[in-house]
Amino acid sequence: MPSIFENPELEPEELAARLLVTPTALDDLTLSDAMKVVAYMRPQRIAAGTVFIQEGETRRNDYMLLILEGDIAVESDLPGVNESMVVNIIGPGHLIGEMGLLDGAPRSATCTASTDIAAAVLSRTGLMRLLKDHPRVGSKLLLAISKRLADRLRETTRKLKTFAQMNKAMQQELAVIMNNRTAGPGQPGKGVSKG
């Protein structure tokens, strides 16, 4: 598949700005705002197979990427085992690393380029320059990132509630099974109705 940069219909900066205002990125920005943000980003290419963000990584955490081209596998380590699980596959128009841009804390997931990647990178230094030069646009960007993170937190909370409900139902089923096993021969187990 030819790269978007080989025969571009749009200039790379305009493509990045258009992707930045999509629902998978920051649709609260206007195209004009996004063009200003993109001016503070730098291009980056990532070869297929490259692990470019490692869960728990504590250095070089102060940036986010906007995917312009390619697919990325997002993985999380499974607690208690030496394995990880792919939790998402993301492509053009998605952002990665917004939390690191804001707080520089250890990365929360591992990201691997499934294909060759073209991305635009906004560092914390770039964000600070944007806030100084264009405070209104910088503030809108921070608000849009905050809204996106709040949406993700709400979705995670919803998933945790569902998981807790499933876990409770499984515990109840296991209790019934264990009661049936410990009941004497010919005696119904606790919680089992006579039918």
N, C-alpha and C. Protein backbone atom coordinates (compact mmCIF):
# COMPACT_ATOMS: atom_id res chain seq x y z
N MET A 1 0.84 -1.17 0.00
CA MET A 1 0.00 0.00 0.00
C MET A 1 0.89 1.24 0.00
N PRO A 2 0.69 2.18 -0.90
CA PRO A 2 1.53 3.37 -0.92
C PRO A 2 1.27 4.25 0.29
N SER A 3 2.30 4.94 0.70
CA SER A 3 2.21 5.84 1.85
C SER A 3 1.41 7.08 1.51
N ILE A 4 0.79 7.67 2.51
CA ILE A 4 0.06 8.92 2.32
C ILE A 4 1.00 10.05 1.91
N PHE A 5 2.30 9.83 2.15
CA PHE A 5 3.27 10.88 1.83
C PHE A 5 3.82 10.76 0.41
N GLU A 6 3.58 9.61 -0.26
CA GLU A 6 4.08 9.43 -1.62
C GLU A 6 3.24 10.20 -2.63
N ASN A 7 1.94 10.13 -2.53
CA ASN A 7 1.02 10.86 -3.40
C ASN A 7 -0.05 11.53 -2.55
N PRO A 8 0.35 12.50 -1.76
CA PRO A 8 -0.64 13.07 -0.84
C PRO A 8 -1.69 13.91 -1.54
N GLU A 9 -2.93 13.70 -1.12
CA GLU A 9 -4.01 14.56 -1.59
C GLU A 9 -3.99 15.86 -0.78
N LEU A 10 -3.48 15.77 0.44
CA LEU A 10 -3.37 16.92 1.33
C LEU A 10 -1.93 17.05 1.79
N GLU A 11 -1.54 18.24 2.16
CA GLU A 11 -0.23 18.42 2.78
C GLU A 11 -0.23 17.66 4.10
N PRO A 12 0.91 17.11 4.52
CA PRO A 12 0.94 16.34 5.77
C PRO A 12 0.40 17.12 6.98
N GLU A 13 0.67 18.42 7.05
CA GLU A 13 0.17 19.22 8.17
C GLU A 13 -1.35 19.30 8.17
N GLU A 14 -1.94 19.45 6.98
CA GLU A 14 -3.40 19.52 6.91
C GLU A 14 -4.02 18.16 7.22
N LEU A 15 -3.38 17.08 6.73
CA LEU A 15 -3.87 15.74 7.05
C LEU A 15 -3.84 15.52 8.56
N ALA A 16 -2.73 15.89 9.20
CA ALA A 16 -2.61 15.73 10.65
C ALA A 16 -3.69 16.54 11.36
N ALA A 17 -3.92 17.77 10.92
CA ALA A 17 -4.94 18.61 11.54
C ALA A 17 -6.32 18.00 11.38
N ARG A 18 -6.62 17.47 10.19
CA ARG A 18 -7.93 16.85 9.96
C ARG A 18 -8.12 15.60 10.83
N LEU A 19 -7.05 14.82 11.00
CA LEU A 19 -7.13 13.63 11.85
C LEU A 19 -7.25 14.02 13.33
N LEU A 20 -6.66 15.14 13.70
CA LEU A 20 -6.71 15.58 15.10
C LEU A 20 -8.11 15.97 15.53
N VAL A 21 -8.96 16.37 14.59
CA VAL A 21 -10.32 16.81 14.94
C VAL A 21 -11.37 15.73 14.68
N THR A 22 -10.96 14.48 14.55
CA THR A 22 -11.90 13.38 14.36
C THR A 22 -12.38 12.87 15.72
N PRO A 23 -13.49 12.13 15.75
CA PRO A 23 -14.00 11.61 17.03
C PRO A 23 -13.01 10.69 17.76
N THR A 24 -12.11 10.02 17.04
CA THR A 24 -11.14 9.15 17.71
C THR A 24 -9.99 9.94 18.32
N ALA A 25 -9.90 11.22 17.99
CA ALA A 25 -8.85 12.07 18.57
C ALA A 25 -9.52 13.14 19.42
N LEU A 26 -9.50 14.37 18.96
CA LEU A 26 -10.00 15.49 19.77
C LEU A 26 -11.00 16.31 18.97
N ASP A 27 -12.19 15.81 18.82
CA ASP A 27 -13.18 16.47 17.97
C ASP A 27 -13.72 17.77 18.55
N ASP A 28 -13.27 18.17 19.74
CA ASP A 28 -13.69 19.45 20.30
C ASP A 28 -12.91 20.63 19.71
N LEU A 29 -11.82 20.34 19.01
CA LEU A 29 -11.03 21.40 18.38
C LEU A 29 -11.60 21.73 17.00
N THR A 30 -11.40 22.97 16.58
CA THR A 30 -11.74 23.33 15.20
C THR A 30 -10.55 22.98 14.31
N LEU A 31 -10.78 22.96 13.02
CA LEU A 31 -9.68 22.69 12.09
C LEU A 31 -8.61 23.78 12.21
N SER A 32 -9.03 25.02 12.38
CA SER A 32 -8.08 26.12 12.56
C SER A 32 -7.23 25.92 13.81
N ASP A 33 -7.88 25.50 14.92
CA ASP A 33 -7.14 25.21 16.16
C ASP A 33 -6.15 24.08 15.92
N ALA A 34 -6.62 23.04 15.25
CA ALA A 34 -5.77 21.87 15.01
C ALA A 34 -4.55 22.23 14.17
N MET A 35 -4.73 23.11 13.19
CA MET A 35 -3.58 23.54 12.38
C MET A 35 -2.53 24.21 13.26
N LYS A 36 -2.97 24.99 14.23
CA LYS A 36 -2.03 25.63 15.16
C LYS A 36 -1.32 24.59 16.02
N VAL A 37 -2.06 23.60 16.51
CA VAL A 37 -1.47 22.54 17.33
C VAL A 37 -0.43 21.77 16.51
N VAL A 38 -0.78 21.42 15.28
CA VAL A 38 0.11 20.62 14.43
C VAL A 38 1.43 21.35 14.18
N ALA A 39 1.40 22.66 14.17
CA ALA A 39 2.64 23.43 13.96
C ALA A 39 3.64 23.18 15.09
N TYR A 40 3.20 22.68 16.23
CA TYR A 40 4.08 22.40 17.36
C TYR A 40 4.42 20.92 17.48
N MET A 41 3.96 20.12 16.51
CA MET A 41 4.24 18.69 16.48
C MET A 41 5.40 18.43 15.53
N ARG A 42 6.03 17.28 15.71
CA ARG A 42 7.09 16.88 14.79
C ARG A 42 6.74 15.50 14.22
N PRO A 43 7.15 15.28 12.96
CA PRO A 43 6.84 13.97 12.35
C PRO A 43 7.73 12.87 12.92
N GLN A 44 7.19 11.67 12.94
CA GLN A 44 7.98 10.51 13.37
C GLN A 44 7.54 9.30 12.58
N ARG A 45 8.50 8.53 12.13
CA ARG A 45 8.25 7.25 11.47
C ARG A 45 8.66 6.13 12.42
N ILE A 46 7.87 5.06 12.44
CA ILE A 46 8.14 3.92 13.30
C ILE A 46 8.00 2.67 12.43
N ALA A 47 9.05 1.85 12.43
CA ALA A 47 9.05 0.64 11.61
C ALA A 47 8.15 -0.43 12.22
N ALA A 48 7.52 -1.21 11.35
CA ALA A 48 6.67 -2.32 11.79
C ALA A 48 7.45 -3.22 12.74
N GLY A 49 6.79 -3.67 13.81
CA GLY A 49 7.41 -4.55 14.78
C GLY A 49 8.11 -3.82 15.92
N THR A 50 8.24 -2.52 15.85
CA THR A 50 8.93 -1.76 16.88
C THR A 50 8.02 -1.54 18.09
N VAL A 51 8.55 -1.88 19.27
CA VAL A 51 7.88 -1.54 20.52
C VAL A 51 8.38 -0.14 20.87
N PHE A 52 7.50 0.85 20.75
CA PHE A 52 7.96 2.23 20.94
C PHE A 52 7.46 2.85 22.24
N ILE A 53 6.53 2.20 22.89
CA ILE A 53 6.13 2.58 24.25
C ILE A 53 6.05 1.28 25.03
N GLN A 54 6.69 1.25 26.20
CA GLN A 54 6.71 0.05 27.03
C GLN A 54 5.97 0.33 28.34
N GLU A 55 5.02 -0.54 28.69
CA GLU A 55 4.28 -0.37 29.94
C GLU A 55 5.26 -0.27 31.10
N GLY A 56 5.06 0.71 31.96
CA GLY A 56 5.92 0.92 33.12
C GLY A 56 7.15 1.77 32.84
N GLU A 57 7.39 2.08 31.57
CA GLU A 57 8.55 2.89 31.18
C GLU A 57 8.51 4.23 31.92
N THR A 58 9.66 4.63 32.46
CA THR A 58 9.71 5.86 33.25
C THR A 58 10.47 6.99 32.58
N ARG A 59 11.07 6.74 31.44
CA ARG A 59 11.79 7.80 30.73
C ARG A 59 11.09 8.11 29.41
N ARG A 60 11.29 9.30 28.93
CA ARG A 60 10.70 9.75 27.65
C ARG A 60 9.18 9.54 27.65
N ASN A 61 8.52 9.98 28.70
CA ASN A 61 7.08 9.79 28.84
C ASN A 61 6.28 11.05 28.58
N ASP A 62 6.92 12.11 28.18
CA ASP A 62 6.26 13.42 28.13
C ASP A 62 5.83 13.81 26.72
N TYR A 63 5.18 12.90 26.03
CA TYR A 63 4.70 13.19 24.67
C TYR A 63 3.48 12.35 24.35
N MET A 64 2.75 12.82 23.34
CA MET A 64 1.66 12.01 22.78
C MET A 64 1.86 11.94 21.27
N LEU A 65 1.31 10.89 20.68
CA LEU A 65 1.40 10.69 19.24
C LEU A 65 0.00 10.71 18.62
N LEU A 66 -0.10 11.32 17.47
CA LEU A 66 -1.28 11.23 16.62
C LEU A 66 -0.90 10.31 15.47
N ILE A 67 -1.63 9.22 15.31
CA ILE A 67 -1.31 8.27 14.23
C ILE A 67 -1.86 8.83 12.93
N LEU A 68 -0.97 8.97 11.96
CA LEU A 68 -1.35 9.45 10.64
C LEU A 68 -1.56 8.30 9.67
N GLU A 69 -0.77 7.25 9.86
CA GLU A 69 -0.82 6.11 8.94
C GLU A 69 -0.32 4.88 9.67
N GLY A 70 -0.99 3.73 9.46
CA GLY A 70 -0.55 2.48 10.05
C GLY A 70 -1.41 2.05 11.22
N ASP A 71 -1.08 0.88 11.77
CA ASP A 71 -1.83 0.30 12.89
C ASP A 71 -0.90 -0.02 14.04
N ILE A 72 -1.42 0.15 15.24
CA ILE A 72 -0.65 -0.07 16.46
C ILE A 72 -1.43 -1.01 17.37
N ALA A 73 -0.71 -2.01 17.92
CA ALA A 73 -1.30 -2.91 18.92
C ALA A 73 -0.99 -2.35 20.30
N VAL A 74 -2.04 -2.20 21.10
CA VAL A 74 -1.91 -1.71 22.47
C VAL A 74 -2.10 -2.92 23.38
N GLU A 75 -1.09 -3.18 24.23
CA GLU A 75 -1.11 -4.35 25.10
C GLU A 75 -0.97 -3.94 26.55
N SER A 76 -1.56 -4.73 27.44
CA SER A 76 -1.39 -4.53 28.88
C SER A 76 -0.88 -5.82 29.49
N ASP A 77 0.04 -5.67 30.46
CA ASP A 77 0.55 -6.84 31.18
C ASP A 77 -0.55 -7.42 32.04
N LEU A 78 -0.59 -8.74 32.11
CA LEU A 78 -1.56 -9.42 32.96
C LEU A 78 -0.91 -9.64 34.32
N PRO A 79 -1.56 -9.19 35.40
CA PRO A 79 -0.96 -9.34 36.73
C PRO A 79 -0.80 -10.81 37.11
N GLY A 80 0.33 -11.14 37.73
CA GLY A 80 0.55 -12.48 38.23
C GLY A 80 1.10 -13.47 37.22
N VAL A 81 1.11 -13.11 35.96
CA VAL A 81 1.69 -13.98 34.93
C VAL A 81 2.61 -13.15 34.06
N ASN A 82 3.52 -13.81 33.42
CA ASN A 82 4.48 -13.11 32.57
C ASN A 82 3.94 -13.05 31.14
N GLU A 83 2.73 -12.52 31.00
CA GLU A 83 2.09 -12.42 29.70
C GLU A 83 1.42 -11.07 29.56
N SER A 84 1.13 -10.72 28.32
CA SER A 84 0.35 -9.49 28.08
C SER A 84 -0.82 -9.85 27.19
N MET A 85 -1.77 -8.92 27.14
CA MET A 85 -2.97 -9.13 26.35
C MET A 85 -3.19 -7.90 25.47
N VAL A 86 -3.45 -8.13 24.18
CA VAL A 86 -3.78 -7.01 23.30
C VAL A 86 -5.15 -6.49 23.70
N VAL A 87 -5.21 -5.21 24.05
CA VAL A 87 -6.47 -4.63 24.48
C VAL A 87 -7.11 -3.76 23.40
N ASN A 88 -6.32 -3.40 22.39
CA ASN A 88 -6.86 -2.57 21.31
C ASN A 88 -5.90 -2.57 20.13
N ILE A 89 -6.45 -2.40 18.96
CA ILE A 89 -5.68 -2.13 17.74
C ILE A 89 -6.19 -0.78 17.26
N ILE A 90 -5.28 0.17 17.11
CA ILE A 90 -5.70 1.51 16.71
C ILE A 90 -4.96 1.95 15.46
N GLY A 91 -5.57 2.89 14.74
CA GLY A 91 -5.01 3.33 13.47
C GLY A 91 -5.11 4.83 13.30
N PRO A 92 -5.10 5.28 12.06
CA PRO A 92 -5.09 6.72 11.77
C PRO A 92 -6.19 7.48 12.49
N GLY A 93 -5.79 8.62 13.06
CA GLY A 93 -6.72 9.47 13.77
C GLY A 93 -6.77 9.21 15.27
N HIS A 94 -6.09 8.18 15.74
CA HIS A 94 -6.07 7.89 17.17
C HIS A 94 -4.87 8.57 17.84
N LEU A 95 -5.05 8.88 19.10
CA LEU A 95 -3.98 9.44 19.92
C LEU A 95 -3.47 8.38 20.88
N ILE A 96 -2.18 8.47 21.18
CA ILE A 96 -1.55 7.60 22.17
C ILE A 96 -0.70 8.50 23.07
N GLY A 97 -0.76 8.27 24.36
CA GLY A 97 0.17 8.93 25.27
C GLY A 97 -0.29 10.24 25.85
N GLU A 98 -1.59 10.53 25.79
CA GLU A 98 -2.07 11.81 26.33
C GLU A 98 -1.76 11.95 27.81
N MET A 99 -1.88 10.86 28.57
CA MET A 99 -1.60 10.94 30.01
C MET A 99 -0.14 11.30 30.24
N GLY A 100 0.75 10.69 29.48
CA GLY A 100 2.18 11.00 29.62
C GLY A 100 2.49 12.44 29.27
N LEU A 101 1.80 12.97 28.27
CA LEU A 101 1.98 14.38 27.91
C LEU A 101 1.66 15.27 29.10
N LEU A 102 0.61 14.91 29.85
CA LEU A 102 0.18 15.74 30.97
C LEU A 102 0.99 15.54 32.23
N ASP A 103 1.29 14.25 32.57
CA ASP A 103 1.91 14.03 33.87
C ASP A 103 3.28 13.37 33.85
N GLY A 104 3.72 12.82 32.74
CA GLY A 104 5.05 12.19 32.66
C GLY A 104 5.19 10.94 33.51
N ALA A 105 4.08 10.40 34.01
CA ALA A 105 4.12 9.18 34.84
C ALA A 105 4.45 7.96 33.97
N PRO A 106 4.81 6.83 34.61
CA PRO A 106 5.10 5.63 33.82
C PRO A 106 3.97 5.27 32.87
N ARG A 107 4.34 4.74 31.72
CA ARG A 107 3.35 4.38 30.70
C ARG A 107 2.44 3.28 31.20
N SER A 108 1.17 3.35 30.80
CA SER A 108 0.16 2.41 31.30
C SER A 108 -0.05 1.22 30.36
N ALA A 109 0.57 1.23 29.19
CA ALA A 109 0.40 0.13 28.24
C ALA A 109 1.63 0.06 27.34
N THR A 110 1.76 -1.04 26.65
CA THR A 110 2.83 -1.23 25.66
C THR A 110 2.23 -1.04 24.28
N CYS A 111 2.92 -0.28 23.43
CA CYS A 111 2.45 -0.04 22.07
C CYS A 111 3.48 -0.55 21.08
N THR A 112 3.01 -1.37 20.15
CA THR A 112 3.87 -1.97 19.12
C THR A 112 3.31 -1.62 17.76
N ALA A 113 4.18 -1.19 16.86
CA ALA A 113 3.77 -0.88 15.49
C ALA A 113 3.45 -2.18 14.77
N SER A 114 2.19 -2.41 14.43
CA SER A 114 1.79 -3.60 13.68
C SER A 114 2.19 -3.47 12.22
N THR A 115 2.22 -2.23 11.72
CA THR A 115 2.65 -1.90 10.36
C THR A 115 3.60 -0.72 10.47
N ASP A 116 4.17 -0.29 9.36
CA ASP A 116 4.95 0.94 9.40
C ASP A 116 4.02 2.08 9.80
N ILE A 117 4.51 2.95 10.67
CA ILE A 117 3.70 4.02 11.23
C ILE A 117 4.25 5.37 10.81
N ALA A 118 3.34 6.26 10.46
CA ALA A 118 3.66 7.69 10.33
C ALA A 118 2.85 8.37 11.42
N ALA A 119 3.52 9.20 12.21
CA ALA A 119 2.85 9.84 13.34
C ALA A 119 3.31 11.29 13.46
N ALA A 120 2.53 12.05 14.21
CA ALA A 120 2.90 13.41 14.59
C ALA A 120 3.00 13.41 16.11
N VAL A 121 4.10 13.95 16.63
CA VAL A 121 4.39 13.90 18.05
C VAL A 121 4.29 15.29 18.66
N LEU A 122 3.57 15.38 19.76
CA LEU A 122 3.53 16.62 20.53
C LEU A 122 4.19 16.33 21.87
N SER A 123 5.32 17.00 22.13
CA SER A 123 6.03 16.84 23.40
C SER A 123 5.48 17.84 24.41
N ARG A 124 5.82 17.63 25.67
CA ARG A 124 5.40 18.59 26.69
C ARG A 124 6.04 19.95 26.42
N THR A 125 7.28 19.96 25.92
CA THR A 125 7.94 21.23 25.56
C THR A 125 7.14 21.93 24.47
N GLY A 126 6.69 21.18 23.46
CA GLY A 126 5.86 21.75 22.40
C GLY A 126 4.54 22.28 22.95
N LEU A 127 3.95 21.53 23.88
CA LEU A 127 2.69 21.97 24.50
C LEU A 127 2.90 23.27 25.27
N MET A 128 4.00 23.36 26.01
CA MET A 128 4.27 24.58 26.77
C MET A 128 4.48 25.78 25.84
N ARG A 129 5.16 25.56 24.71
CA ARG A 129 5.33 26.65 23.73
C ARG A 129 3.98 27.05 23.14
N LEU A 130 3.13 26.06 22.83
CA LEU A 130 1.79 26.34 22.30
C LEU A 130 0.99 27.17 23.31
N LEU A 131 1.04 26.79 24.59
CA LEU A 131 0.31 27.53 25.62
C LEU A 131 0.81 28.97 25.75
N LYS A 132 2.11 29.16 25.56
CA LYS A 132 2.68 30.51 25.64
C LYS A 132 2.30 31.34 24.42
N ASP A 133 2.41 30.74 23.24
CA ASP A 133 2.18 31.47 21.99
C ASP A 133 0.70 31.63 21.65
N HIS A 134 -0.10 30.60 21.95
CA HIS A 134 -1.53 30.59 21.62
C HIS A 134 -2.31 30.06 22.82
N PRO A 135 -2.42 30.85 23.90
CA PRO A 135 -3.04 30.33 25.12
C PRO A 135 -4.46 29.82 24.94
N ARG A 136 -5.27 30.44 24.08
CA ARG A 136 -6.64 29.98 23.86
C ARG A 136 -6.64 28.59 23.23
N VAL A 137 -5.83 28.40 22.20
CA VAL A 137 -5.76 27.10 21.53
C VAL A 137 -5.17 26.05 22.47
N GLY A 138 -4.11 26.41 23.19
CA GLY A 138 -3.51 25.48 24.13
C GLY A 138 -4.49 25.05 25.21
N SER A 139 -5.29 26.00 25.70
CA SER A 139 -6.30 25.69 26.70
C SER A 139 -7.38 24.78 26.13
N LYS A 140 -7.81 25.05 24.90
CA LYS A 140 -8.81 24.18 24.26
C LYS A 140 -8.25 22.77 24.06
N LEU A 141 -6.96 22.68 23.72
CA LEU A 141 -6.33 21.37 23.55
C LEU A 141 -6.34 20.62 24.89
N LEU A 142 -5.93 21.28 25.96
CA LEU A 142 -5.91 20.64 27.27
C LEU A 142 -7.31 20.23 27.71
N LEU A 143 -8.29 21.07 27.46
CA LEU A 143 -9.67 20.74 27.79
C LEU A 143 -10.16 19.53 26.98
N ALA A 144 -9.81 19.50 25.70
CA ALA A 144 -10.21 18.37 24.85
C ALA A 144 -9.55 17.07 25.31
N ILE A 145 -8.27 17.14 25.69
CA ILE A 145 -7.57 15.96 26.20
C ILE A 145 -8.22 15.51 27.51
N SER A 146 -8.52 16.47 28.39
CA SER A 146 -9.15 16.14 29.68
C SER A 146 -10.50 15.48 29.46
N LYS A 147 -11.29 15.99 28.53
CA LYS A 147 -12.60 15.40 28.22
C LYS A 147 -12.43 13.98 27.71
N ARG A 148 -11.46 13.78 26.84
CA ARG A 148 -11.19 12.44 26.30
C ARG A 148 -10.81 11.47 27.41
N LEU A 149 -9.94 11.91 28.33
CA LEU A 149 -9.53 11.06 29.44
C LEU A 149 -10.71 10.77 30.37
N ALA A 150 -11.56 11.77 30.60
CA ALA A 150 -12.75 11.55 31.43
C ALA A 150 -13.69 10.53 30.78
N ASP A 151 -13.85 10.62 29.47
CA ASP A 151 -14.69 9.65 28.75
C ASP A 151 -14.13 8.24 28.91
N ARG A 152 -12.81 8.12 28.78
CA ARG A 152 -12.18 6.80 28.93
C ARG A 152 -12.35 6.27 30.36
N LEU A 153 -12.21 7.17 31.34
CA LEU A 153 -12.37 6.76 32.73
C LEU A 153 -13.79 6.27 32.98
N ARG A 154 -14.77 6.96 32.44
CA ARG A 154 -16.17 6.53 32.58
C ARG A 154 -16.38 5.15 31.95
N GLU A 155 -15.80 4.94 30.77
CA GLU A 155 -15.93 3.65 30.10
C GLU A 155 -15.25 2.55 30.90
N THR A 156 -14.09 2.84 31.46
CA THR A 156 -13.38 1.86 32.29
C THR A 156 -14.19 1.54 33.54
N THR A 157 -14.79 2.54 34.15
CA THR A 157 -15.64 2.33 35.33
C THR A 157 -16.83 1.44 34.98
N ARG A 158 -17.45 1.69 33.82
CA ARG A 158 -18.56 0.85 33.38
C ARG A 158 -18.11 -0.60 33.20
N LYS A 159 -16.93 -0.79 32.60
CA LYS A 159 -16.41 -2.15 32.40
C LYS A 159 -16.10 -2.82 33.73
N LEU A 160 -15.55 -2.06 34.68
CA LEU A 160 -15.24 -2.63 35.99
C LEU A 160 -16.50 -3.06 36.72
N LYS A 161 -17.56 -2.27 36.60
CA LYS A 161 -18.84 -2.65 37.22
C LYS A 161 -19.37 -3.94 36.61
N THR A 162 -19.29 -4.05 35.29
CA THR A 162 -19.73 -5.27 34.61
C THR A 162 -18.89 -6.46 35.06
N PHE A 163 -17.57 -6.26 35.15
CA PHE A 163 -16.68 -7.32 35.60
C PHE A 163 -17.01 -7.72 37.03
N ALA A 164 -17.28 -6.76 37.91
CA ALA A 164 -17.63 -7.06 39.30
C ALA A 164 -18.92 -7.86 39.38
N GLN A 165 -19.90 -7.52 38.54
CA GLN A 165 -21.16 -8.27 38.51
C GLN A 165 -20.92 -9.70 38.06
N MET A 166 -20.11 -9.86 37.02
CA MET A 166 -19.79 -11.20 36.52
C MET A 166 -19.04 -11.99 37.59
N ASN A 167 -18.11 -11.35 38.26
CA ASN A 167 -17.32 -12.00 39.30
C ASN A 167 -18.22 -12.47 40.44
N LYS A 168 -19.16 -11.63 40.86
CA LYS A 168 -20.10 -11.98 41.92
C LYS A 168 -20.96 -13.18 41.52
N ALA A 169 -21.46 -13.16 40.28
CA ALA A 169 -22.27 -14.28 39.79
C ALA A 169 -21.45 -15.57 39.76
N MET A 170 -20.20 -15.49 39.36
CA MET A 170 -19.35 -16.69 39.33
C MET A 170 -19.08 -17.19 40.75
N GLN A 171 -18.87 -16.29 41.70
CA GLN A 171 -18.65 -16.70 43.09
C GLN A 171 -19.88 -17.41 43.64
N GLN A 172 -21.06 -16.89 43.32
CA GLN A 172 -22.30 -17.52 43.77
C GLN A 172 -22.44 -18.92 43.17
N GLU A 173 -22.14 -19.07 41.90
CA GLU A 173 -22.21 -20.37 41.25
C GLU A 173 -21.21 -21.35 41.87
N LEU A 174 -20.01 -20.87 42.14
CA LEU A 174 -18.99 -21.72 42.77
C LEU A 174 -19.42 -22.14 44.18
N ALA A 175 -20.05 -21.23 44.90
CA ALA A 175 -20.54 -21.58 46.25
C ALA A 175 -21.57 -22.68 46.16
N VAL A 176 -22.48 -22.61 45.21
CA VAL A 176 -23.50 -23.66 45.03
C VAL A 176 -22.82 -24.98 44.71
N ILE A 177 -21.85 -24.97 43.82
CA ILE A 177 -21.13 -26.20 43.44
C ILE A 177 -20.41 -26.78 44.65
N MET A 178 -19.73 -25.93 45.41
CA MET A 178 -18.99 -26.41 46.58
C MET A 178 -19.95 -26.96 47.64
N ASN A 179 -21.09 -26.30 47.82
CA ASN A 179 -22.09 -26.81 48.78
C ASN A 179 -22.61 -28.18 48.34
N ASN A 180 -22.82 -28.36 47.06
CA ASN A 180 -23.30 -29.65 46.56
C ASN A 180 -22.26 -30.74 46.76
N ARG A 181 -21.00 -30.42 46.64
CA ARG A 181 -19.93 -31.41 46.81
C ARG A 181 -19.77 -31.80 48.28
N THR A 182 -19.97 -30.85 49.18
CA THR A 182 -19.76 -31.15 50.60
C THR A 182 -20.98 -31.75 51.27
N ALA A 183 -22.12 -31.69 50.64
CA ALA A 183 -23.34 -32.28 51.22
C ALA A 183 -23.20 -33.80 51.18
N GLY A 184 -23.75 -34.45 52.18
CA GLY A 184 -23.67 -35.91 52.24
C GLY A 184 -24.50 -36.55 51.13
N PRO A 185 -24.31 -37.88 50.90
CA PRO A 185 -25.08 -38.58 49.87
C PRO A 185 -26.58 -38.52 50.19
N GLY A 186 -27.34 -38.19 49.19
CA GLY A 186 -28.78 -38.14 49.32
C GLY A 186 -29.30 -36.86 49.97
N GLN A 187 -28.37 -35.99 50.38
CA GLN A 187 -28.78 -34.74 51.01
C GLN A 187 -28.59 -33.59 50.01
N PRO A 188 -29.59 -32.76 49.88
CA PRO A 188 -29.41 -31.61 48.96
C PRO A 188 -28.42 -30.64 49.58
N GLY A 189 -27.62 -30.02 48.74
CA GLY A 189 -26.67 -28.99 49.18
C GLY A 189 -27.39 -27.72 49.53
N LYS A 190 -26.72 -26.90 50.29
CA LYS A 190 -27.29 -25.61 50.65
C LYS A 190 -27.51 -24.80 49.40
N GLY A 191 -28.57 -24.09 49.36
CA GLY A 191 -28.84 -23.21 48.23
C GLY A 191 -29.43 -23.92 47.04
N VAL A 192 -29.63 -25.24 47.15
CA VAL A 192 -30.24 -25.98 46.04
C VAL A 192 -31.68 -26.26 46.41
N SER A 193 -32.58 -25.86 45.59
CA SER A 193 -33.99 -26.04 45.88
C SER A 193 -34.41 -27.46 45.52
N LYS A 194 -35.34 -27.97 46.28
CA LYS A 194 -35.91 -29.29 45.96
C LYS A 194 -36.96 -29.09 44.91
N GLY A 195 -36.86 -29.84 43.88
CA GLY A 195 -37.72 -29.48 42.84
C GLY A 195 -38.75 -30.26 42.35
